[in-house]
Amino acid sequence: VPMMYRVVVAAALLMSGSVAFADPAIDAKYERSCKLCHATGLLNAPKTGDAAAWEARLAQGDEVVLKHIKDGFNQMPPKGTCMDCTDEEFLALTKKMATAAQ
């Protein structure tokens, strides 16, 4: 087996671990409905990747987090403008935003 082939395969295997949990549908919904506020902290939104800012929110449990998302909370509008998101997608989006930047 040619050395270049081995290098490409090894690189693909290493990279696959970092993208194995990526979900293009969730990423698209984040870009469309969450990014404007959560990427910048607009309207006092907790920033994406700032695990400390999300810690107390997540500690309240999924039920409270979902209620805040669906009803709106503080300056966040109801459903954070994602009218077609399911509960599972809201939780996946929250997990994505709460995960520390790497």
N, C-alpha and C. Protein backbone atom coordinates (compact mmCIF):
# COMPACT_ATOMS: atom_id res chain seq x y z
N VAL A 1 0.86 -1.19 0.00
CA VAL A 1 0.00 0.00 0.00
C VAL A 1 0.90 1.24 0.00
N PRO A 2 0.65 2.14 -0.94
CA PRO A 2 1.48 3.35 -1.02
C PRO A 2 1.41 4.17 0.27
N MET A 3 2.53 4.80 0.61
CA MET A 3 2.63 5.60 1.83
C MET A 3 1.61 6.75 1.83
N MET A 4 1.41 7.41 0.70
CA MET A 4 0.47 8.53 0.64
C MET A 4 -0.94 8.07 1.00
N TYR A 5 -1.32 6.89 0.53
CA TYR A 5 -2.63 6.33 0.85
C TYR A 5 -2.77 6.14 2.36
N ARG A 6 -1.74 5.60 2.99
CA ARG A 6 -1.76 5.39 4.45
C ARG A 6 -1.91 6.71 5.19
N VAL A 7 -1.21 7.73 4.74
CA VAL A 7 -1.29 9.05 5.38
C VAL A 7 -2.70 9.62 5.26
N VAL A 8 -3.29 9.51 4.08
CA VAL A 8 -4.64 10.03 3.86
C VAL A 8 -5.64 9.27 4.73
N VAL A 9 -5.54 7.96 4.77
CA VAL A 9 -6.45 7.16 5.59
C VAL A 9 -6.28 7.51 7.07
N ALA A 10 -5.06 7.62 7.54
CA ALA A 10 -4.80 7.97 8.94
C ALA A 10 -5.39 9.34 9.26
N ALA A 11 -5.20 10.29 8.38
CA ALA A 11 -5.74 11.64 8.60
C ALA A 11 -7.26 11.60 8.65
N ALA A 12 -7.87 10.84 7.76
CA ALA A 12 -9.33 10.73 7.74
C ALA A 12 -9.84 10.11 9.04
N LEU A 13 -9.15 9.08 9.52
CA LEU A 13 -9.57 8.45 10.77
C LEU A 13 -9.43 9.40 11.95
N LEU A 14 -8.35 10.14 12.00
CA LEU A 14 -8.17 11.10 13.08
C LEU A 14 -9.24 12.18 13.04
N MET A 15 -9.53 12.68 11.85
CA MET A 15 -10.52 13.74 11.72
C MET A 15 -11.93 13.24 11.99
N SER A 16 -12.20 11.98 11.71
CA SER A 16 -13.56 11.47 11.87
C SER A 16 -14.02 11.54 13.31
N GLY A 17 -13.11 11.42 14.27
CA GLY A 17 -13.50 11.54 15.67
C GLY A 17 -13.99 12.91 16.02
N SER A 18 -13.46 13.93 15.37
CA SER A 18 -13.86 15.29 15.71
C SER A 18 -15.16 15.70 15.05
N VAL A 19 -15.58 14.99 14.01
CA VAL A 19 -16.81 15.38 13.33
C VAL A 19 -17.90 14.32 13.46
N ALA A 20 -17.64 13.25 14.19
CA ALA A 20 -18.59 12.15 14.28
C ALA A 20 -19.93 12.59 14.85
N PHE A 21 -19.94 13.60 15.69
CA PHE A 21 -21.18 14.03 16.32
C PHE A 21 -21.76 15.26 15.65
N ALA A 22 -21.16 15.71 14.57
CA ALA A 22 -21.68 16.87 13.86
C ALA A 22 -23.00 16.48 13.19
N ASP A 23 -23.97 17.35 13.26
CA ASP A 23 -25.26 17.11 12.64
C ASP A 23 -25.57 18.30 11.75
N PRO A 24 -25.50 18.12 10.45
CA PRO A 24 -25.72 19.24 9.54
C PRO A 24 -27.07 19.93 9.73
N ALA A 25 -28.12 19.17 10.08
CA ALA A 25 -29.43 19.78 10.28
C ALA A 25 -29.42 20.70 11.51
N ILE A 26 -28.77 20.26 12.58
CA ILE A 26 -28.67 21.08 13.79
C ILE A 26 -27.80 22.30 13.50
N ASP A 27 -26.70 22.09 12.79
CA ASP A 27 -25.84 23.22 12.42
C ASP A 27 -26.61 24.25 11.60
N ALA A 28 -27.44 23.80 10.68
CA ALA A 28 -28.22 24.72 9.85
C ALA A 28 -29.23 25.49 10.70
N LYS A 29 -29.86 24.81 11.64
CA LYS A 29 -30.83 25.50 12.50
C LYS A 29 -30.12 26.49 13.42
N TYR A 30 -28.93 26.13 13.89
CA TYR A 30 -28.14 27.07 14.70
C TYR A 30 -27.83 28.33 13.88
N GLU A 31 -27.35 28.12 12.67
CA GLU A 31 -27.00 29.26 11.81
C GLU A 31 -28.21 30.15 11.55
N ARG A 32 -29.36 29.53 11.33
CA ARG A 32 -30.58 30.26 10.98
C ARG A 32 -31.24 30.94 12.19
N SER A 33 -31.25 30.26 13.33
CA SER A 33 -32.09 30.73 14.44
C SER A 33 -31.37 31.14 15.71
N CYS A 34 -30.13 30.68 15.91
CA CYS A 34 -29.46 30.90 17.20
C CYS A 34 -28.25 31.82 17.11
N LYS A 35 -27.54 31.71 16.00
CA LYS A 35 -26.22 32.33 15.88
C LYS A 35 -26.22 33.84 16.10
N LEU A 36 -27.21 34.53 15.56
CA LEU A 36 -27.22 35.98 15.65
C LEU A 36 -27.01 36.46 17.09
N CYS A 37 -27.71 35.88 18.02
CA CYS A 37 -27.60 36.31 19.41
C CYS A 37 -26.52 35.55 20.18
N HIS A 38 -26.46 34.23 19.99
CA HIS A 38 -25.57 33.43 20.82
C HIS A 38 -24.11 33.47 20.41
N ALA A 39 -23.82 33.85 19.19
CA ALA A 39 -22.41 33.98 18.78
C ALA A 39 -21.79 35.26 19.33
N THR A 40 -22.64 36.26 19.59
CA THR A 40 -22.14 37.58 19.99
C THR A 40 -22.52 38.00 21.40
N GLY A 41 -23.49 37.31 21.98
CA GLY A 41 -24.00 37.74 23.30
C GLY A 41 -25.05 38.83 23.18
N LEU A 42 -25.57 39.04 21.98
CA LEU A 42 -26.61 40.04 21.75
C LEU A 42 -27.78 39.81 22.69
N LEU A 43 -28.34 40.85 23.24
CA LEU A 43 -29.46 40.79 24.16
C LEU A 43 -29.16 39.94 25.40
N ASN A 44 -27.90 39.94 25.80
CA ASN A 44 -27.44 39.19 26.98
C ASN A 44 -27.57 37.68 26.83
N ALA A 45 -27.58 37.18 25.62
CA ALA A 45 -27.64 35.74 25.39
C ALA A 45 -26.32 35.10 25.81
N PRO A 46 -26.37 33.93 26.43
CA PRO A 46 -25.11 33.23 26.73
C PRO A 46 -24.42 32.86 25.42
N LYS A 47 -23.13 33.10 25.36
CA LYS A 47 -22.40 32.87 24.12
C LYS A 47 -22.14 31.39 23.86
N THR A 48 -22.21 31.04 22.60
CA THR A 48 -21.87 29.70 22.17
C THR A 48 -20.41 29.41 22.54
N GLY A 49 -20.20 28.26 23.16
CA GLY A 49 -18.85 27.85 23.54
C GLY A 49 -18.43 28.30 24.92
N ASP A 50 -19.23 29.12 25.59
CA ASP A 50 -18.90 29.60 26.93
C ASP A 50 -19.59 28.68 27.95
N ALA A 51 -18.94 27.56 28.23
CA ALA A 51 -19.52 26.54 29.10
C ALA A 51 -19.93 27.10 30.46
N ALA A 52 -19.16 28.00 31.00
CA ALA A 52 -19.48 28.57 32.32
C ALA A 52 -20.79 29.37 32.27
N ALA A 53 -21.03 30.06 31.18
CA ALA A 53 -22.27 30.86 31.06
C ALA A 53 -23.50 29.96 30.97
N TRP A 54 -23.32 28.75 30.53
CA TRP A 54 -24.44 27.81 30.36
C TRP A 54 -24.65 26.92 31.58
N GLU A 55 -23.68 26.82 32.44
CA GLU A 55 -23.71 25.85 33.54
C GLU A 55 -24.97 25.95 34.41
N ALA A 56 -25.28 27.13 34.91
CA ALA A 56 -26.45 27.29 35.79
C ALA A 56 -27.76 27.03 35.03
N ARG A 57 -27.79 27.40 33.77
CA ARG A 57 -28.99 27.16 32.97
C ARG A 57 -29.24 25.66 32.81
N LEU A 58 -28.20 24.94 32.46
CA LEU A 58 -28.34 23.50 32.25
C LEU A 58 -28.62 22.76 33.55
N ALA A 59 -28.13 23.28 34.65
CA ALA A 59 -28.35 22.65 35.95
C ALA A 59 -29.83 22.63 36.34
N GLN A 60 -30.63 23.46 35.70
CA GLN A 60 -32.07 23.49 35.97
C GLN A 60 -32.80 22.29 35.38
N GLY A 61 -32.15 21.58 34.49
CA GLY A 61 -32.75 20.39 33.89
C GLY A 61 -33.42 20.69 32.56
N ASP A 62 -33.60 19.63 31.79
CA ASP A 62 -34.16 19.76 30.44
C ASP A 62 -35.55 20.36 30.44
N GLU A 63 -36.38 20.00 31.41
CA GLU A 63 -37.76 20.49 31.43
C GLU A 63 -37.80 22.01 31.54
N VAL A 64 -37.01 22.57 32.43
CA VAL A 64 -36.98 24.03 32.60
C VAL A 64 -36.33 24.69 31.39
N VAL A 65 -35.25 24.11 30.90
CA VAL A 65 -34.59 24.66 29.71
C VAL A 65 -35.57 24.71 28.55
N LEU A 66 -36.30 23.62 28.32
CA LEU A 66 -37.28 23.60 27.23
C LEU A 66 -38.40 24.62 27.44
N LYS A 67 -38.86 24.76 28.67
CA LYS A 67 -39.91 25.75 28.95
C LYS A 67 -39.41 27.15 28.60
N HIS A 68 -38.20 27.48 29.02
CA HIS A 68 -37.64 28.80 28.72
C HIS A 68 -37.49 29.01 27.21
N ILE A 69 -37.06 27.97 26.51
CA ILE A 69 -36.90 28.10 25.06
C ILE A 69 -38.25 28.29 24.40
N LYS A 70 -39.20 27.45 24.73
CA LYS A 70 -40.49 27.47 24.04
C LYS A 70 -41.33 28.70 24.38
N ASP A 71 -41.26 29.15 25.62
CA ASP A 71 -42.06 30.31 26.04
C ASP A 71 -41.33 31.63 25.82
N GLY A 72 -40.02 31.56 25.63
CA GLY A 72 -39.21 32.77 25.63
C GLY A 72 -38.77 33.05 27.05
N PHE A 73 -37.63 33.68 27.20
CA PHE A 73 -37.10 33.93 28.55
C PHE A 73 -36.24 35.17 28.50
N ASN A 74 -36.47 36.07 29.45
CA ASN A 74 -35.79 37.37 29.45
C ASN A 74 -35.96 38.00 28.07
N GLN A 75 -34.89 38.25 27.36
CA GLN A 75 -35.01 38.91 26.06
C GLN A 75 -35.08 37.94 24.88
N MET A 76 -35.01 36.64 25.14
CA MET A 76 -35.10 35.66 24.06
C MET A 76 -36.55 35.47 23.65
N PRO A 77 -36.83 35.57 22.36
CA PRO A 77 -38.21 35.36 21.90
C PRO A 77 -38.61 33.89 22.02
N PRO A 78 -39.91 33.61 22.02
CA PRO A 78 -40.36 32.22 22.06
C PRO A 78 -39.72 31.39 20.95
N LYS A 79 -39.29 30.22 21.34
CA LYS A 79 -38.63 29.26 20.45
C LYS A 79 -37.35 29.82 19.83
N GLY A 80 -36.86 30.92 20.35
CA GLY A 80 -35.63 31.49 19.83
C GLY A 80 -35.67 31.70 18.33
N THR A 81 -36.83 31.88 17.79
CA THR A 81 -37.14 32.05 16.36
C THR A 81 -37.05 30.76 15.55
N CYS A 82 -36.90 29.60 16.19
CA CYS A 82 -36.88 28.32 15.46
C CYS A 82 -38.26 27.68 15.61
N MET A 83 -39.18 28.11 14.79
CA MET A 83 -40.57 27.65 14.90
C MET A 83 -40.76 26.19 14.50
N ASP A 84 -39.81 25.63 13.76
CA ASP A 84 -39.95 24.23 13.33
C ASP A 84 -39.07 23.27 14.12
N CYS A 85 -38.43 23.72 15.18
CA CYS A 85 -37.58 22.84 15.99
C CYS A 85 -38.42 21.95 16.89
N THR A 86 -37.98 20.71 17.03
CA THR A 86 -38.60 19.78 17.98
C THR A 86 -37.91 19.95 19.34
N ASP A 87 -38.49 19.36 20.36
CA ASP A 87 -37.86 19.40 21.69
C ASP A 87 -36.45 18.82 21.62
N GLU A 88 -36.30 17.72 20.90
CA GLU A 88 -34.99 17.08 20.79
C GLU A 88 -33.98 18.01 20.10
N GLU A 89 -34.44 18.72 19.09
CA GLU A 89 -33.55 19.66 18.40
C GLU A 89 -33.19 20.84 19.30
N PHE A 90 -34.16 21.33 20.07
CA PHE A 90 -33.84 22.42 21.00
C PHE A 90 -32.76 21.97 21.99
N LEU A 91 -32.89 20.75 22.51
CA LEU A 91 -31.89 20.26 23.45
C LEU A 91 -30.54 20.05 22.77
N ALA A 92 -30.55 19.57 21.53
CA ALA A 92 -29.30 19.40 20.80
C ALA A 92 -28.64 20.75 20.52
N LEU A 93 -29.44 21.74 20.18
CA LEU A 93 -28.91 23.09 19.95
C LEU A 93 -28.32 23.66 21.24
N THR A 94 -29.02 23.45 22.34
CA THR A 94 -28.53 23.94 23.63
C THR A 94 -27.21 23.27 23.98
N LYS A 95 -27.13 21.95 23.78
CA LYS A 95 -25.89 21.22 24.06
C LYS A 95 -24.76 21.75 23.18
N LYS A 96 -25.06 21.98 21.92
CA LYS A 96 -24.06 22.51 20.99
C LYS A 96 -23.53 23.86 21.50
N MET A 97 -24.44 24.73 21.89
CA MET A 97 -24.03 26.07 22.33
C MET A 97 -23.30 26.04 23.67
N ALA A 98 -23.66 25.07 24.52
CA ALA A 98 -23.09 25.00 25.86
C ALA A 98 -21.73 24.30 25.89
N THR A 99 -21.36 23.66 24.80
CA THR A 99 -20.10 22.93 24.76
C THR A 99 -18.94 23.91 24.60
N ALA A 100 -17.96 23.76 25.46
CA ALA A 100 -16.81 24.67 25.44
C ALA A 100 -16.13 24.65 24.07
N ALA A 101 -15.76 25.79 23.62
CA ALA A 101 -15.04 25.92 22.35
C ALA A 101 -13.72 25.19 22.47
N GLN A 102 -13.32 24.53 21.39
CA GLN A 102 -12.06 23.77 21.42
C GLN A 102 -11.08 24.27 20.42
